[in-house]
Amino acid sequence: MAGELRFAFSATDVARTRFAVSPLWEVVASVRTFKTAGPHSVHRGWRRDVAPRLAAAGLDAGLLADLVPSAGYTPDFITPPPLPGGSVLDAELREVAATPAQEVRRELDEYGLHTERIRRLHADPAAGLARLAAEISAYWDLALAPYWPRLQGVLEADVFHQARRLATDGAEAVLGSLHPSVRWGAGTLTVRHKTCPAETVLGGKGLVLVPSVFAWSSVAATTATPVAKQLFYPSRGWGSVWEESRAAVPEAVAAVLGRTRALLLAELTVPASTSELAGRTGLSAGGVNQHLTALRDAGIVSAHRAGRSVLYMRTAVAESLLAASA
C-alpha cells in the first residue's frame, strides 16, 4: 500500500519554491526507464537505439546501474538540486563529487544498498563518486546527448508553462495539479508515495520542482539531503517527445509569410527553442533563428528566457492568422 509523503510549507517556503530543469535527473530517470521499458512503452524506440551502445561501453551494468534500481530508493546525493537559472550536467556532477563522505555512507547504510561496487563506494566515497561521475558522463554522451535538444525543449516548455500559470492562477492551483498523486491543502503538499512516506518540513528553503520526460508514470522526491528538497514530476508533452513533426503548413499563411515561416508557426503549438524547432523541421538552427527574429519583429511570435534557453511562442496576432486560414 502506498504511503503519503507530506511537504509542510511556510510562507517563506512558498516564496522560495521554484521550477528547474535537471540534466542529471534525466540521467537517473532514463536509467530506470531503460531497465523497465516494455514493448509498449513510449520510450521503447529510444531504448532499442541506445542499448547496443551502452552494452558495448559496459554501462548497462556498473555503479550507476547499481545505484538506480528498477524500482525503489535511489540515493539523494546522486541528484542535487539544480542551480537557479538553469543547470548543466558538468556543474551537477561537480556537486555530486563534492558530497561529504558521511552523507554518502549515511544514505547507503540507511537504505541497505549493498553490491560489491556500492561497498567500494562506501569504503572510499571520494574515489567512488569520481568513478560515478565518469560513468554518468559516459552514459550521457551515449544515451542522452544525441537527443538532448528535443528533451530540453519539452522540459523547458513545461517550466515556462508552469511559470505562466503561477503568475496567473497562483501557487495553490499549480502545486495541486502537477500529477494525479499530488494534492495541495492547508499549507501542505501531499504525495502518494510507495517508498518514503514521511512528513518533511522544508525549513524555509522551499521546494524545487523538476519536470521529467523519463519519469513518465509517477512522481519521485528527494528528502534525505540537508539542502533544498525536490519533487520530480512527469513533464507536459512527455508522451509525444519521440514523435516526428506532423504539423501541417497552413497554405494561406504560407502565401503571405513564406512556407518556412508558416511551418514554424504551425510547430509552435507549445513554446519551443530554436534548437528544438531545428530538430523537428530539419532546418538549420541559424535559419530558424533568422526566421524567428523576423516573426518576432513583426509581433507574430514572442521570445521568453527559460533558464539558459530562449523559448518562442505564438502571439495573438499569429493565432488570428492561423484561425483565419483554417
C-alpha atoms as a PDB file:
ATOM      1  CA  MET A   1       0.000   0.000   0.000  1.00  0.00           C
ATOM      2  CA  ALA A   2       1.317   3.429  -0.883  1.00  0.00           C
ATOM      3  CA  GLY A   3       2.041   5.821   1.952  1.00  0.00           C
ATOM      4  CA  GLU A   4       1.950   9.580   1.913  1.00  0.00           C
ATOM      5  CA  LEU A   5       4.873  11.948   1.662  1.00  0.00           C
ATOM      6  CA  ARG A   6       3.949  15.376   3.032  1.00  0.00           C
ATOM      7  CA  PHE A   7       5.828  18.622   2.462  1.00  0.00           C
ATOM      8  CA  ALA A   8       4.865  21.251   5.041  1.00  0.00           C
ATOM      9  CA  PHE A   9       5.197  24.782   3.640  1.00  0.00           C
ATOM     10  CA  SER A  10       5.720  28.056   5.449  1.00  0.00           C
ATOM     11  CA  ALA A  11       5.081  31.359   3.671  1.00  0.00           C
ATOM     12  CA  THR A  12       8.846  31.557   3.079  1.00  0.00           C
ATOM     13  CA  ASP A  13       8.848  28.083   1.501  1.00  0.00           C
ATOM     14  CA  VAL A  14       6.087  29.083  -0.919  1.00  0.00           C
ATOM     15  CA  ALA A  15       8.075  32.183  -1.872  1.00  0.00           C
ATOM     16  CA  ARG A  16      11.241  30.143  -2.483  1.00  0.00           C
ATOM     17  CA  THR A  17       9.656  27.266  -4.392  1.00  0.00           C
ATOM     18  CA  ARG A  18      10.848  27.172  -7.992  1.00  0.00           C
ATOM     19  CA  PHE A  19      10.822  25.099 -11.169  1.00  0.00           C
ATOM     20  CA  ALA A  20      14.053  23.913 -12.791  1.00  0.00           C
ATOM     21  CA  VAL A  21      15.362  21.535 -15.460  1.00  0.00           C
ATOM     22  CA  SER A  22      17.949  18.964 -14.361  1.00  0.00           C
ATOM     23  CA  PRO A  23      20.019  17.016 -16.925  1.00  0.00           C
ATOM     24  CA  LEU A  24      21.291  14.808 -14.100  1.00  0.00           C
ATOM     25  CA  TRP A  25      17.788  13.837 -13.039  1.00  0.00           C
ATOM     26  CA  GLU A  26      17.011  12.821 -16.627  1.00  0.00           C
ATOM     27  CA  VAL A  27      20.072  10.555 -16.485  1.00  0.00           C
ATOM     28  CA  VAL A  28      18.727   8.853 -13.348  1.00  0.00           C
ATOM     29  CA  ALA A  29      15.154   8.617 -14.635  1.00  0.00           C
ATOM     30  CA  SER A  30      16.312   7.288 -18.012  1.00  0.00           C
ATOM     31  CA  VAL A  31      18.423   4.563 -16.359  1.00  0.00           C
ATOM     32  CA  ARG A  32      15.307   3.384 -14.545  1.00  0.00           C
ATOM     33  CA  THR A  33      13.287   3.590 -17.757  1.00  0.00           C
ATOM     34  CA  PHE A  34      15.996   1.647 -19.598  1.00  0.00           C
ATOM     35  CA  LYS A  35      15.562  -1.162 -17.074  1.00  0.00           C
ATOM     36  CA  THR A  36      11.766  -1.195 -17.126  1.00  0.00           C
ATOM     37  CA  ALA A  37      10.620  -0.046 -20.600  1.00  0.00           C
ATOM     38  CA  GLY A  38       8.369  -2.697 -22.108  1.00  0.00           C
ATOM     39  CA  PRO A  39       7.337  -3.330 -25.717  1.00  0.00           C
ATOM     40  CA  HIS A  40       4.537  -0.784 -25.489  1.00  0.00           C
ATOM     41  CA  SER A  41       6.479   1.967 -23.742  1.00  0.00           C
ATOM     42  CA  VAL A  42       6.698   5.378 -25.386  1.00  0.00           C
ATOM     43  CA  HIS A  43      10.464   5.108 -24.828  1.00  0.00           C
ATOM     44  CA  ARG A  44      10.922   1.678 -26.427  1.00  0.00           C
ATOM     45  CA  GLY A  45      12.485   3.157 -29.581  1.00  0.00           C
ATOM     46  CA  TRP A  46      14.981   5.146 -27.537  1.00  0.00           C
ATOM     47  CA  ARG A  47      15.846   2.043 -25.524  1.00  0.00           C
ATOM     48  CA  ARG A  48      16.310  -0.039 -28.670  1.00  0.00           C
ATOM     49  CA  ASP A  49      18.680   2.540 -30.133  1.00  0.00           C
ATOM     50  CA  VAL A  50      20.852   3.101 -27.056  1.00  0.00           C
ATOM     51  CA  ALA A  51      21.018  -0.488 -25.730  1.00  0.00           C
ATOM     52  CA  PRO A  52      23.842  -1.635 -28.076  1.00  0.00           C
ATOM     53  CA  ARG A  53      25.890   1.488 -27.316  1.00  0.00           C
ATOM     54  CA  LEU A  54      25.550   1.069 -23.555  1.00  0.00           C
ATOM     55  CA  ALA A  55      26.331  -2.645 -23.718  1.00  0.00           C
ATOM     56  CA  ALA A  56      29.445  -2.037 -25.822  1.00  0.00           C
ATOM     57  CA  ALA A  57      30.669   0.512 -23.272  1.00  0.00           C
ATOM     58  CA  GLY A  58      29.791  -1.712 -20.295  1.00  0.00           C
ATOM     59  CA  LEU A  59      27.351   0.914 -18.994  1.00  0.00           C
ATOM     60  CA  ASP A  60      24.344  -1.394 -18.833  1.00  0.00           C
ATOM     61  CA  ALA A  61      25.972  -2.675 -15.620  1.00  0.00           C
ATOM     62  CA  GLY A  62      28.120  -0.653 -13.241  1.00  0.00           C
ATOM     63  CA  LEU A  63      27.956   1.631 -10.241  1.00  0.00           C
ATOM     64  CA  LEU A  64      25.312   3.874 -11.827  1.00  0.00           C
ATOM     65  CA  ALA A  65      23.133   0.868 -12.630  1.00  0.00           C
ATOM     66  CA  ASP A  66      23.577  -0.432  -9.065  1.00  0.00           C
ATOM     67  CA  LEU A  67      22.524   2.864  -7.508  1.00  0.00           C
ATOM     68  CA  VAL A  68      19.442   3.274  -9.732  1.00  0.00           C
ATOM     69  CA  PRO A  69      17.328   0.139  -9.308  1.00  0.00           C
ATOM     70  CA  SER A  70      14.328  -0.622 -11.498  1.00  0.00           C
ATOM     71  CA  ALA A  71      12.122   0.227  -8.505  1.00  0.00           C
ATOM     72  CA  GLY A  72      12.666   1.603  -5.044  1.00  0.00           C
ATOM     73  CA  TYR A  73      15.093   4.037  -3.481  1.00  0.00           C
ATOM     74  CA  THR A  74      17.830   5.928  -5.322  1.00  0.00           C
ATOM     75  CA  PRO A  75      20.305   7.821  -3.102  1.00  0.00           C
ATOM     76  CA  ASP A  76      19.527  11.519  -2.925  1.00  0.00           C
ATOM     77  CA  PHE A  77      23.183  12.504  -3.312  1.00  0.00           C
ATOM     78  CA  ILE A  78      23.022  11.473  -6.988  1.00  0.00           C
ATOM     79  CA  THR A  79      20.547  14.257  -7.775  1.00  0.00           C
ATOM     80  CA  PRO A  80      21.490  17.519  -6.020  1.00  0.00           C
ATOM     81  CA  PRO A  81      19.077  20.418  -6.588  1.00  0.00           C
ATOM     82  CA  PRO A  82      19.648  22.105  -9.960  1.00  0.00           C
ATOM     83  CA  LEU A  83      21.089  25.578  -9.766  1.00  0.00           C
ATOM     84  CA  PRO A  84      18.831  28.645 -10.077  1.00  0.00           C
ATOM     85  CA  GLY A  85      18.882  29.945 -13.618  1.00  0.00           C
ATOM     86  CA  GLY A  86      19.422  26.516 -15.173  1.00  0.00           C
ATOM     87  CA  SER A  87      21.866  23.655 -14.716  1.00  0.00           C
ATOM     88  CA  VAL A  88      24.348  21.948 -16.989  1.00  0.00           C
ATOM     89  CA  LEU A  89      25.464  18.381 -16.411  1.00  0.00           C
ATOM     90  CA  ASP A  90      29.093  19.215 -15.580  1.00  0.00           C
ATOM     91  CA  ALA A  91      28.025  21.582 -12.789  1.00  0.00           C
ATOM     92  CA  GLU A  92      25.659  18.977 -11.356  1.00  0.00           C
ATOM     93  CA  LEU A  93      28.394  16.324 -11.441  1.00  0.00           C
ATOM     94  CA  ARG A  94      30.702  18.637  -9.511  1.00  0.00           C
ATOM     95  CA  GLU A  95      28.014  18.840  -6.832  1.00  0.00           C
ATOM     96  CA  VAL A  96      27.799  15.039  -6.725  1.00  0.00           C
ATOM     97  CA  ALA A  97      31.576  14.668  -6.421  1.00  0.00           C
ATOM     98  CA  ALA A  98      31.616  17.162  -3.529  1.00  0.00           C
ATOM     99  CA  THR A  99      29.108  15.191  -1.414  1.00  0.00           C
ATOM    100  CA  PRO A 100      30.577  14.734   2.096  1.00  0.00           C
ATOM    101  CA  ALA A 101      31.712  11.171   2.801  1.00  0.00           C
ATOM    102  CA  GLN A 102      29.489  10.916   5.880  1.00  0.00           C
ATOM    103  CA  GLU A 103      26.408  11.813   3.815  1.00  0.00           C
ATOM    104  CA  VAL A 104      27.216   9.112   1.234  1.00  0.00           C
ATOM    105  CA  ARG A 105      27.692   6.483   3.922  1.00  0.00           C
ATOM    106  CA  ARG A 106      24.590   7.562   5.839  1.00  0.00           C
ATOM    107  CA  GLU A 107      22.320   7.179   2.827  1.00  0.00           C
ATOM    108  CA  LEU A 108      23.829   3.856   1.770  1.00  0.00           C
ATOM    109  CA  ASP A 109      23.537   2.491   5.324  1.00  0.00           C
ATOM    110  CA  GLU A 110      20.010   3.771   5.890  1.00  0.00           C
ATOM    111  CA  TYR A 111      18.589   2.109   2.816  1.00  0.00           C
ATOM    112  CA  GLY A 112      20.720  -1.029   2.831  1.00  0.00           C
ATOM    113  CA  LEU A 113      22.216  -0.688  -0.642  1.00  0.00           C
ATOM    114  CA  HIS A 114      24.805  -3.472  -0.926  1.00  0.00           C
ATOM    115  CA  THR A 115      26.608  -4.687  -4.030  1.00  0.00           C
ATOM    116  CA  GLU A 116      30.350  -5.078  -4.425  1.00  0.00           C
ATOM    117  CA  ARG A 117      30.574  -1.772  -6.323  1.00  0.00           C
ATOM    118  CA  ILE A 118      28.459   0.006  -3.699  1.00  0.00           C
ATOM    119  CA  ARG A 119      30.608  -1.459  -0.920  1.00  0.00           C
ATOM    120  CA  ARG A 120      33.664   0.067  -2.597  1.00  0.00           C
ATOM    121  CA  LEU A 121      31.846   3.413  -2.787  1.00  0.00           C
ATOM    122  CA  HIS A 122      31.062   3.137   0.933  1.00  0.00           C
ATOM    123  CA  ALA A 123      34.679   2.334   1.786  1.00  0.00           C
ATOM    124  CA  ASP A 124      36.108   5.247  -0.244  1.00  0.00           C
ATOM    125  CA  PRO A 125      33.382   7.792  -1.098  1.00  0.00           C
ATOM    126  CA  ALA A 126      35.721  10.276  -2.808  1.00  0.00           C
ATOM    127  CA  ALA A 127      37.071   7.692  -5.257  1.00  0.00           C
ATOM    128  CA  GLY A 128      33.648   6.137  -5.696  1.00  0.00           C
ATOM    129  CA  LEU A 129      31.970   9.450  -6.500  1.00  0.00           C
ATOM    130  CA  ALA A 130      34.675  10.254  -9.044  1.00  0.00           C
ATOM    131  CA  ARG A 131      34.012   6.864 -10.660  1.00  0.00           C
ATOM    132  CA  LEU A 132      30.255   7.517 -10.608  1.00  0.00           C
ATOM    133  CA  ALA A 133      30.671  10.952 -12.222  1.00  0.00           C
ATOM    134  CA  ALA A 134      32.772   9.411 -15.001  1.00  0.00           C
ATOM    135  CA  GLU A 135      30.130   6.736 -15.626  1.00  0.00           C
ATOM    136  CA  ILE A 136      27.353   9.318 -15.723  1.00  0.00           C
ATOM    137  CA  SER A 137      29.302  11.473 -18.176  1.00  0.00           C
ATOM    138  CA  ALA A 138      29.909   8.492 -20.479  1.00  0.00           C
ATOM    139  CA  TYR A 139      26.260   7.424 -20.193  1.00  0.00           C
ATOM    140  CA  TRP A 140      25.138  10.952 -21.074  1.00  0.00           C
ATOM    141  CA  ASP A 141      27.271  11.038 -24.216  1.00  0.00           C
ATOM    142  CA  LEU A 142      25.833   7.747 -25.476  1.00  0.00           C
ATOM    143  CA  ALA A 143      22.241   7.751 -24.257  1.00  0.00           C
ATOM    144  CA  LEU A 144      21.034  11.328 -23.883  1.00  0.00           C
ATOM    145  CA  ALA A 145      23.293  13.898 -25.562  1.00  0.00           C
ATOM    146  CA  PRO A 146      22.124  12.985 -29.104  1.00  0.00           C
ATOM    147  CA  TYR A 147      18.515  13.654 -28.046  1.00  0.00           C
ATOM    148  CA  TRP A 148      19.013  16.469 -25.557  1.00  0.00           C
ATOM    149  CA  PRO A 149      17.787  19.397 -27.718  1.00  0.00           C
ATOM    150  CA  ARG A 150      14.453  17.606 -28.152  1.00  0.00           C
ATOM    151  CA  LEU A 151      14.221  16.610 -24.478  1.00  0.00           C
ATOM    152  CA  GLN A 152      15.336  20.019 -23.266  1.00  0.00           C
ATOM    153  CA  GLY A 153      12.730  21.733 -25.420  1.00  0.00           C
ATOM    154  CA  VAL A 154       9.925  19.698 -23.828  1.00  0.00           C
ATOM    155  CA  LEU A 155      11.223  20.266 -20.302  1.00  0.00           C
ATOM    156  CA  GLU A 156      11.774  23.998 -20.677  1.00  0.00           C
ATOM    157  CA  ALA A 157       8.372  24.420 -22.323  1.00  0.00           C
ATOM    158  CA  ASP A 158       6.868  22.799 -19.236  1.00  0.00           C
ATOM    159  CA  VAL A 159       8.755  25.150 -16.904  1.00  0.00           C
ATOM    160  CA  PHE A 160       7.600  28.123 -18.958  1.00  0.00           C
ATOM    161  CA  HIS A 161       4.000  26.875 -18.845  1.00  0.00           C
ATOM    162  CA  GLN A 162       4.123  26.367 -15.069  1.00  0.00           C
ATOM    163  CA  ALA A 163       5.665  29.802 -14.538  1.00  0.00           C
ATOM    164  CA  ARG A 164       2.861  31.434 -16.511  1.00  0.00           C
ATOM    165  CA  ARG A 165       0.254  29.507 -14.514  1.00  0.00           C
ATOM    166  CA  LEU A 166       1.956  30.509 -11.284  1.00  0.00           C
ATOM    167  CA  ALA A 167       1.651  34.159 -12.297  1.00  0.00           C
ATOM    168  CA  THR A 168      -1.962  33.927 -13.430  1.00  0.00           C
ATOM    169  CA  ASP A 169      -3.518  31.255 -11.173  1.00  0.00           C
ATOM    170  CA  GLY A 170      -1.285  31.222  -8.087  1.00  0.00           C
ATOM    171  CA  ALA A 171       0.767  28.615  -6.254  1.00  0.00           C
ATOM    172  CA  GLU A 172      -2.215  26.621  -4.965  1.00  0.00           C
ATOM    173  CA  ALA A 173      -3.537  25.877  -8.475  1.00  0.00           C
ATOM    174  CA  VAL A 174      -0.107  24.925  -9.806  1.00  0.00           C
ATOM    175  CA  LEU A 175       1.098  22.788  -6.912  1.00  0.00           C
ATOM    176  CA  GLY A 176      -2.131  20.839  -6.724  1.00  0.00           C
ATOM    177  CA  SER A 177      -2.173  19.886 -10.408  1.00  0.00           C
ATOM    178  CA  LEU A 178       1.329  18.552 -11.041  1.00  0.00           C
ATOM    179  CA  HIS A 179       0.173  14.903 -11.065  1.00  0.00           C
ATOM    180  CA  PRO A 180      -2.919  12.907 -10.002  1.00  0.00           C
ATOM    181  CA  SER A 181      -0.978  11.618  -6.976  1.00  0.00           C
ATOM    182  CA  VAL A 182      -0.254  15.140  -5.723  1.00  0.00           C
ATOM    183  CA  ARG A 183      -2.649  17.366  -3.823  1.00  0.00           C
ATOM    184  CA  TRP A 184      -2.378  20.674  -2.006  1.00  0.00           C
ATOM    185  CA  GLY A 185      -4.253  21.757   1.100  1.00  0.00           C
ATOM    186  CA  ALA A 186      -3.762  23.617   4.374  1.00  0.00           C
ATOM    187  CA  GLY A 187      -0.195  24.592   3.527  1.00  0.00           C
ATOM    188  CA  THR A 188       0.883  21.010   2.818  1.00  0.00           C
ATOM    189  CA  LEU A 189       1.745  19.284  -0.459  1.00  0.00           C
ATOM    190  CA  THR A 190       0.780  15.615  -0.121  1.00  0.00           C
ATOM    191  CA  VAL A 191       2.132  12.944  -2.451  1.00  0.00           C
ATOM    192  CA  ARG A 192       1.016   9.313  -2.611  1.00  0.00           C
ATOM    193  CA  HIS A 193       4.396   7.622  -2.492  1.00  0.00           C
ATOM    194  CA  LYS A 194       5.440   3.968  -2.330  1.00  0.00           C
ATOM    195  CA  THR A 195       8.911   4.191  -0.867  1.00  0.00           C
ATOM    196  CA  CYS A 196       9.268   7.088   1.551  1.00  0.00           C
ATOM    197  CA  PRO A 197       6.114   8.012   3.487  1.00  0.00           C
ATOM    198  CA  ALA A 198       7.117  10.826   5.823  1.00  0.00           C
ATOM    199  CA  GLU A 199       6.436  14.346   6.988  1.00  0.00           C
ATOM    200  CA  THR A 200       9.037  16.775   5.638  1.00  0.00           C
ATOM    201  CA  VAL A 201       9.422  20.314   6.922  1.00  0.00           C
ATOM    202  CA  LEU A 202      11.053  22.406   4.229  1.00  0.00           C
ATOM    203  CA  GLY A 203      12.708  24.731   6.714  1.00  0.00           C
ATOM    204  CA  GLY A 204      12.416  27.907   4.686  1.00  0.00           C
ATOM    205  CA  LYS A 205      14.393  26.530   1.727  1.00  0.00           C
ATOM    206  CA  GLY A 206      11.338  25.931  -0.460  1.00  0.00           C
ATOM    207  CA  LEU A 207      10.802  23.028  -2.844  1.00  0.00           C
ATOM    208  CA  VAL A 208      12.484  22.558  -6.233  1.00  0.00           C
ATOM    209  CA  LEU A 209      10.016  21.181  -8.790  1.00  0.00           C
ATOM    210  CA  VAL A 210      11.714  19.313 -11.631  1.00  0.00           C
ATOM    211  CA  PRO A 211       9.834  18.141 -14.748  1.00  0.00           C
ATOM    212  CA  SER A 212      10.931  14.886 -16.359  1.00  0.00           C
ATOM    213  CA  VAL A 213      10.372  13.177 -19.686  1.00  0.00           C
ATOM    214  CA  PHE A 214      11.532   9.785 -18.409  1.00  0.00           C
ATOM    215  CA  ALA A 215       9.672   9.859 -15.078  1.00  0.00           C
ATOM    216  CA  TRP A 216       6.563   9.338 -17.143  1.00  0.00           C
ATOM    217  CA  SER A 217       4.253   7.405 -14.835  1.00  0.00           C
ATOM    218  CA  SER A 218       4.763   8.742 -11.325  1.00  0.00           C
ATOM    219  CA  VAL A 219       6.450  11.321  -9.139  1.00  0.00           C
ATOM    220  CA  ALA A 220       9.677  10.960  -7.158  1.00  0.00           C
ATOM    221  CA  ALA A 221      11.238  13.017  -4.398  1.00  0.00           C
ATOM    222  CA  THR A 222      14.473  13.709  -2.566  1.00  0.00           C
ATOM    223  CA  THR A 223      14.029  14.213   1.160  1.00  0.00           C
ATOM    224  CA  ALA A 224      17.267  12.997   2.777  1.00  0.00           C
ATOM    225  CA  THR A 225      19.623  15.761   1.676  1.00  0.00           C
ATOM    226  CA  PRO A 226      20.291  18.708   4.018  1.00  0.00           C
ATOM    227  CA  VAL A 227      19.787  21.140   1.126  1.00  0.00           C
ATOM    228  CA  ALA A 228      16.570  22.034  -0.695  1.00  0.00           C
ATOM    229  CA  LYS A 229      14.142  19.159  -1.190  1.00  0.00           C
ATOM    230  CA  GLN A 230      12.920  18.243  -4.683  1.00  0.00           C
ATOM    231  CA  LEU A 231       9.845  16.787  -6.346  1.00  0.00           C
ATOM    232  CA  PHE A 232      10.198  15.238  -9.809  1.00  0.00           C
ATOM    233  CA  TYR A 233       7.018  15.017 -11.880  1.00  0.00           C
ATOM    234  CA  PRO A 234       6.101  13.999 -15.463  1.00  0.00           C
ATOM    235  CA  SER A 235       6.563  16.887 -17.876  1.00  0.00           C
ATOM    236  CA  ARG A 236       3.803  18.074 -20.145  1.00  0.00           C
ATOM    237  CA  GLY A 237       4.444  16.643 -23.608  1.00  0.00           C
ATOM    238  CA  TRP A 238       6.464  13.632 -22.426  1.00  0.00           C
ATOM    239  CA  GLY A 239       4.270  11.263 -24.432  1.00  0.00           C
ATOM    240  CA  SER A 240       4.989  12.975 -27.747  1.00  0.00           C
ATOM    241  CA  VAL A 241       8.728  13.534 -27.292  1.00  0.00           C
ATOM    242  CA  TRP A 242       9.735  10.867 -29.844  1.00  0.00           C
ATOM    243  CA  GLU A 243       7.059  11.686 -32.417  1.00  0.00           C
ATOM    244  CA  GLU A 244       8.215  13.157 -35.677  1.00  0.00           C
ATOM    245  CA  SER A 245       6.822  16.539 -36.617  1.00  0.00           C
ATOM    246  CA  ARG A 246       3.384  16.306 -38.207  1.00  0.00           C
ATOM    247  CA  ALA A 247       2.499  19.972 -38.326  1.00  0.00           C
ATOM    248  CA  ALA A 248       0.568  20.872 -41.467  1.00  0.00           C
ATOM    249  CA  VAL A 249       1.711  24.024 -43.225  1.00  0.00           C
ATOM    250  CA  PRO A 250      -1.222  26.492 -43.439  1.00  0.00           C
ATOM    251  CA  GLU A 251      -1.167  27.322 -47.140  1.00  0.00           C
ATOM    252  CA  ALA A 252      -2.938  30.685 -46.849  1.00  0.00           C
ATOM    253  CA  VAL A 253      -0.397  31.836 -44.262  1.00  0.00           C
ATOM    254  CA  ALA A 254       2.453  30.408 -46.365  1.00  0.00           C
ATOM    255  CA  ALA A 255       1.309  32.537 -49.273  1.00  0.00           C
ATOM    256  CA  VAL A 256       1.783  35.665 -47.154  1.00  0.00           C
ATOM    257  CA  LEU A 257       4.743  34.822 -44.891  1.00  0.00           C
ATOM    258  CA  GLY A 258       6.518  32.133 -46.874  1.00  0.00           C
ATOM    259  CA  ARG A 259       6.376  28.373 -46.379  1.00  0.00           C
ATOM    260  CA  THR A 260       9.207  28.131 -43.837  1.00  0.00           C
ATOM    261  CA  ARG A 261       7.798  30.776 -41.516  1.00  0.00           C
ATOM    262  CA  ALA A 262       4.328  29.278 -41.797  1.00  0.00           C
ATOM    263  CA  LEU A 263       5.791  25.874 -40.853  1.00  0.00           C
ATOM    264  CA  LEU A 264       7.500  27.340 -37.781  1.00  0.00           C
ATOM    265  CA  LEU A 265       4.241  28.960 -36.679  1.00  0.00           C
ATOM    266  CA  ALA A 266       2.443  25.652 -37.093  1.00  0.00           C
ATOM    267  CA  GLU A 267       5.100  23.930 -34.972  1.00  0.00           C
ATOM    268  CA  LEU A 268       4.708  26.404 -32.116  1.00  0.00           C
ATOM    269  CA  THR A 269       1.657  24.765 -30.596  1.00  0.00           C
ATOM    270  CA  VAL A 270       3.698  24.892 -27.368  1.00  0.00           C
ATOM    271  CA  PRO A 271       6.695  27.151 -26.652  1.00  0.00           C
ATOM    272  CA  ALA A 272       9.903  25.817 -28.223  1.00  0.00           C
ATOM    273  CA  SER A 273      13.555  26.757 -28.566  1.00  0.00           C
ATOM    274  CA  THR A 274      15.486  27.338 -31.771  1.00  0.00           C
ATOM    275  CA  SER A 275      17.342  24.028 -31.414  1.00  0.00           C
ATOM    276  CA  GLU A 276      14.132  22.088 -30.824  1.00  0.00           C
ATOM    277  CA  LEU A 277      12.456  23.616 -33.882  1.00  0.00           C
ATOM    278  CA  ALA A 278      15.555  22.900 -35.968  1.00  0.00           C
ATOM    279  CA  GLY A 279      15.484  19.255 -34.870  1.00  0.00           C
ATOM    280  CA  ARG A 280      11.795  18.867 -35.629  1.00  0.00           C
ATOM    281  CA  THR A 281      11.794  20.594 -39.015  1.00  0.00           C
ATOM    282  CA  GLY A 282      15.205  19.665 -40.420  1.00  0.00           C
ATOM    283  CA  LEU A 283      16.118  23.337 -40.870  1.00  0.00           C
ATOM    284  CA  SER A 284      19.446  24.715 -39.686  1.00  0.00           C
ATOM    285  CA  ALA A 285      19.480  26.406 -36.291  1.00  0.00           C
ATOM    286  CA  GLY A 286      20.801  29.576 -37.913  1.00  0.00           C
ATOM    287  CA  GLY A 287      17.985  29.614 -40.455  1.00  0.00           C
ATOM    288  CA  VAL A 288      15.347  29.007 -37.794  1.00  0.00           C
ATOM    289  CA  ASN A 289      16.775  31.842 -35.722  1.00  0.00           C
ATOM    290  CA  GLN A 290      16.651  34.227 -38.677  1.00  0.00           C
ATOM    291  CA  HIS A 291      13.003  33.439 -39.399  1.00  0.00           C
ATOM    292  CA  LEU A 292      12.005  33.648 -35.739  1.00  0.00           C
ATOM    293  CA  THR A 293      13.714  37.025 -35.412  1.00  0.00           C
ATOM    294  CA  ALA A 294      11.710  38.326 -38.362  1.00  0.00           C
ATOM    295  CA  LEU A 295       8.471  36.921 -36.925  1.00  0.00           C
ATOM    296  CA  ARG A 296       9.254  38.435 -33.535  1.00  0.00           C
ATOM    297  CA  ASP A 297       9.986  41.855 -35.044  1.00  0.00           C
ATOM    298  CA  ALA A 298       6.586  41.677 -36.743  1.00  0.00           C
ATOM    299  CA  GLY A 299       4.830  40.827 -33.478  1.00  0.00           C
ATOM    300  CA  ILE A 300       3.859  37.340 -34.668  1.00  0.00           C
ATOM    301  CA  VAL A 301       5.921  35.441 -32.097  1.00  0.00           C
ATOM    302  CA  SER A 302       7.358  36.443 -28.742  1.00  0.00           C
ATOM    303  CA  ALA A 303      10.548  35.273 -27.019  1.00  0.00           C
ATOM    304  CA  HIS A 304      10.980  34.449 -23.349  1.00  0.00           C
ATOM    305  CA  ARG A 305      14.071  33.265 -21.493  1.00  0.00           C
ATOM    306  CA  ALA A 306      13.740  29.942 -19.630  1.00  0.00           C
ATOM    307  CA  GLY A 307      16.970  29.078 -17.833  1.00  0.00           C
ATOM    308  CA  ARG A 308      19.734  29.047 -20.429  1.00  0.00           C
ATOM    309  CA  SER A 309      17.352  28.800 -23.386  1.00  0.00           C
ATOM    310  CA  VAL A 310      15.023  31.190 -25.177  1.00  0.00           C
ATOM    311  CA  LEU A 311      11.561  29.836 -25.879  1.00  0.00           C
ATOM    312  CA  TYR A 312       9.411  31.203 -28.685  1.00  0.00           C
ATOM    313  CA  MET A 313       5.632  31.221 -28.657  1.00  0.00           C
ATOM    314  CA  ARG A 314       2.842  32.424 -30.902  1.00  0.00           C
ATOM    315  CA  THR A 315       1.229  35.782 -30.129  1.00  0.00           C
ATOM    316  CA  ALA A 316      -2.436  36.695 -30.516  1.00  0.00           C
ATOM    317  CA  VAL A 317      -1.571  38.006 -33.988  1.00  0.00           C
ATOM    318  CA  ALA A 318      -0.294  34.552 -35.015  1.00  0.00           C
ATOM    319  CA  GLU A 319      -3.344  32.827 -33.550  1.00  0.00           C
ATOM    320  CA  SER A 320      -5.601  35.146 -35.548  1.00  0.00           C
ATOM    321  CA  LEU A 321      -3.682  34.446 -38.764  1.00  0.00           C
ATOM    322  CA  LEU A 322      -3.877  30.679 -38.252  1.00  0.00           C
ATOM    323  CA  ALA A 323      -7.547  30.783 -37.281  1.00  0.00           C
ATOM    324  CA  ALA A 324      -8.427  32.834 -40.370  1.00  0.00           C
ATOM    325  CA  SER A 325      -6.630  30.350 -42.642  1.00  0.00           C
ATOM    326  CA  ALA A 326      -8.218  27.247 -41.074  1.00  0.00           C
END
